[in-house]
Amino acid sequence: MKKLFPTLLQQQNREQGISLLLDISADLHYFDGHFPGAPVLAGVAQLDWAVQFSQQFLLGNRLVVSVEVLKFQQMVQPGCQLLLELDVQKADTSTFSYRCGERTMASGRLKWGPAVE
C-alpha cells in the first residue's frame, strides 16, 4: 500500500512555529502517474501536507478559508528530504515553506477560520 504522508524524520519547535524534516520517498501515492519516468510531487500534495501538519502541530481543529501567495519554485522528486517550516503570523494567518538544502521549493500563506467542533 502506498503512503499518503512522508516520514517525519525530525521536528523542532521554534518561537512562532515548528520545523519538520520530511523524507520524500518514492513509495508515496502522489508519485504514481505524476509523471512516468520523471516523478514529481504534486503541488496539491504539498499544500495538503502544509494544512494537515499546521492543524496537527499548531492550530488544532480549524479550517483553511483561503490560500494566498502560493508559489511552487522547484520540482520535488523522490529521495529529497524537505524541511517544512510552519509559522503562525496572527491568530488567523500562518505561513509555510518547503526547503531542500538551500533551495526554496514552495511557499504560501494560509488564512484560517475559527475552530470547529
Protein backbone atom coordinates (compact mmCIF):
# COMPACT_ATOMS: atom_id res chain seq x y z
CA MET A 1 0.00 0.00 0.00
CA LYS A 2 1.30 3.42 -0.97
CA LYS A 3 1.84 6.08 1.69
CA LEU A 4 -0.12 9.34 1.81
CA PHE A 5 2.29 11.19 4.10
CA PRO A 6 6.05 11.49 4.15
CA THR A 7 8.04 10.02 7.02
CA LEU A 8 8.67 12.58 9.75
CA LEU A 9 12.39 12.39 10.49
CA GLN A 10 12.72 15.27 12.92
CA GLN A 11 10.72 18.08 14.46
CA GLN A 12 11.88 21.23 16.17
CA ASN A 13 9.70 23.77 17.93
CA ARG A 14 10.50 27.39 17.17
CA GLU A 15 9.27 30.68 18.62
CA GLN A 16 6.45 31.19 16.11
CA GLY A 17 6.03 27.65 14.83
CA ILE A 18 7.68 24.37 14.05
CA SER A 19 10.18 22.87 11.61
CA LEU A 20 9.58 19.36 10.29
CA LEU A 21 12.15 17.34 8.36
CA LEU A 22 10.29 15.06 5.93
CA ASP A 23 11.61 12.11 3.93
CA ILE A 24 10.10 12.18 0.45
CA SER A 25 10.33 8.53 -0.56
CA ALA A 26 9.40 7.03 -3.91
CA ASP A 27 6.61 4.95 -2.31
CA LEU A 28 4.36 7.98 -1.79
CA HIS A 29 0.99 7.67 -3.51
CA TYR A 30 1.40 11.09 -5.16
CA PHE A 31 4.22 9.92 -7.43
CA ASP A 32 2.02 7.34 -9.19
CA GLY A 33 1.47 8.59 -12.73
CA HIS A 34 2.90 12.03 -11.99
CA PHE A 35 4.92 11.58 -14.24
CA PRO A 36 6.10 8.19 -15.55
CA GLY A 37 9.89 8.15 -15.84
CA ALA A 38 10.28 11.51 -14.12
CA PRO A 39 8.24 11.54 -10.87
CA VAL A 40 7.34 14.93 -9.40
CA LEU A 41 5.47 15.61 -6.17
CA ALA A 42 2.17 17.30 -6.98
CA GLY A 43 1.69 20.79 -5.61
CA VAL A 44 -1.71 19.82 -4.23
CA ALA A 45 0.03 17.24 -2.00
CA GLN A 46 2.44 19.86 -0.70
CA LEU A 47 -0.43 22.22 0.09
CA ASP A 48 -2.41 19.43 1.78
CA TRP A 49 0.56 18.49 3.97
CA ALA A 50 1.11 22.12 4.98
CA VAL A 51 -2.54 22.35 6.05
CA GLN A 52 -2.64 19.00 7.83
CA PHE A 53 0.66 19.46 9.68
CA SER A 54 -0.41 23.01 10.69
CA GLN A 55 -3.60 21.58 12.15
CA GLN A 56 -1.77 18.74 13.89
CA PHE A 57 1.07 20.74 15.44
CA LEU A 58 -0.08 24.37 15.69
CA LEU A 59 -3.69 25.31 15.08
CA GLY A 60 -5.88 22.38 16.02
CA ASN A 61 -9.29 21.82 14.52
CA ARG A 62 -9.58 24.83 12.21
CA LEU A 63 -10.31 25.02 8.51
CA VAL A 64 -8.47 26.98 5.84
CA VAL A 65 -10.61 29.75 4.36
CA SER A 66 -8.10 30.95 1.75
CA VAL A 67 -4.64 30.32 0.33
CA GLU A 68 -2.51 33.32 -0.63
CA VAL A 69 0.84 33.94 -2.34
CA LEU A 70 1.17 30.25 -3.24
CA LYS A 71 4.41 29.61 -5.12
CA PHE A 72 5.96 26.39 -6.39
CA GLN A 73 9.54 27.35 -7.25
CA GLN A 74 11.26 23.97 -7.73
CA MET A 75 10.10 20.44 -8.54
CA VAL A 76 10.25 17.94 -5.68
CA GLN A 77 11.39 14.46 -6.66
CA PRO A 78 11.69 11.20 -4.70
CA GLY A 79 14.68 10.91 -2.40
CA CYS A 80 14.60 14.52 -1.26
CA GLN A 81 14.49 15.49 2.40
CA LEU A 82 12.26 18.52 2.74
CA LEU A 83 12.34 20.95 5.62
CA LEU A 84 8.80 22.20 6.16
CA GLU A 85 8.67 25.38 8.21
CA LEU A 86 5.27 26.34 9.61
CA ASP A 87 4.80 29.69 11.34
CA VAL A 88 1.78 31.37 12.92
CA GLN A 89 1.80 35.06 11.95
CA LYS A 90 -1.51 36.16 13.52
CA ALA A 91 -4.44 34.35 15.10
CA ASP A 92 -5.92 33.71 11.64
CA THR A 93 -2.79 33.58 9.46
CA SER A 94 0.09 31.14 9.04
CA THR A 95 2.85 30.66 6.51
CA PHE A 96 4.65 27.61 5.21
CA SER A 97 7.77 26.96 3.20
CA TYR A 98 9.44 23.83 1.91
CA ARG A 99 13.20 23.81 1.53
CA CYS A 100 15.60 21.22 0.20
CA GLY A 101 19.07 22.29 1.25
CA GLU A 102 19.43 25.95 0.33
CA ARG A 103 16.66 25.88 -2.28
CA THR A 104 13.12 27.01 -1.53
CA MET A 105 10.81 24.53 -3.20
CA ALA A 106 7.38 26.01 -2.34
CA SER A 107 5.78 28.55 -0.02
CA GLY A 108 2.47 30.18 0.79
CA ARG A 109 0.21 31.81 3.33
CA LEU A 110 -2.91 30.25 4.82
CA LYS A 111 -5.90 32.13 6.27
CA TRP A 112 -7.79 30.17 8.93
CA GLY A 113 -11.37 30.25 10.13
CA PRO A 114 -12.47 29.77 13.73
CA ALA A 115 -12.09 26.42 15.48
CA VAL A 116 -14.73 23.84 14.56
CA GLU A 117 -16.20 21.22 16.86
